[in-house]
Protein backbone atom coordinates (compact mmCIF):
# COMPACT_ATOMS: atom_id res chain seq x y z
CA MET A 1 -10.60 -5.79 5.10
CA LYS A 2 -9.52 -9.23 5.12
CA ALA A 3 -7.45 -11.20 2.35
CA VAL A 4 -8.71 -14.39 1.47
CA ARG A 5 -7.54 -17.45 -0.47
CA GLY A 6 -8.36 -20.95 -0.10
CA ASN A 7 -8.11 -21.90 3.77
CA LYS A 8 -6.22 -18.87 4.50
CA GLU A 9 -7.48 -15.49 5.86
CA TYR A 10 -5.41 -12.34 6.64
CA THR A 11 -6.44 -8.73 8.16
CA ILE A 12 -4.79 -6.39 5.91
CA SER A 13 -4.56 -2.67 5.44
CA LYS A 14 -5.61 -0.90 2.61
CA ALA A 15 -1.97 -0.46 1.59
CA GLN A 16 -1.99 -4.00 0.94
CA GLU A 17 -4.71 -4.55 -0.52
CA LYS A 18 -3.26 -4.33 -4.34
CA ALA A 19 -0.20 -6.48 -3.45
CA TYR A 20 -3.02 -9.24 -1.99
CA GLN A 21 -5.01 -8.81 -4.71
CA ASP A 22 -2.41 -9.33 -7.36
CA ALA A 23 -1.00 -12.35 -5.47
CA GLY A 24 -4.58 -14.06 -6.18
CA TYR A 25 -6.34 -13.30 -2.94
CA ASP A 26 -9.87 -12.30 -2.60
CA ILE A 27 -10.35 -8.66 -0.78
CA LEU A 28 -13.01 -8.72 1.88
CA ASP A 29 -14.23 -5.17 3.22
CA ASP A 30 -14.81 -4.61 6.82
CA MET A 31 -18.05 -3.09 6.26
CA SER A 32 -19.11 -5.66 3.15
CA SER A 33 -19.68 -9.62 3.02
CA TRP A 34 -19.10 -9.24 -1.07
CA PRO A 35 -15.65 -10.02 -2.39
CA ARG A 36 -13.63 -8.01 -4.45
CA ARG A 37 -11.70 -11.14 -7.11
CA ALA A 38 -8.58 -11.60 -7.46
CA TYR A 39 -7.52 -11.12 -11.09
CA ALA A 40 -7.35 -13.76 -13.53
CA ALA A 41 -3.72 -15.06 -13.61
CA SER A 42 -2.86 -15.64 -17.71
């Protein structure tokens, strides 16, 4: 699984997914090219 934001890309574990998503990263599953978008900041 990968966390992507701008020109940064990190390989992460399932346990790290929420933290990266909360920090504004899009999450890409290993089996899918469709990202789970980061939550909109308010």
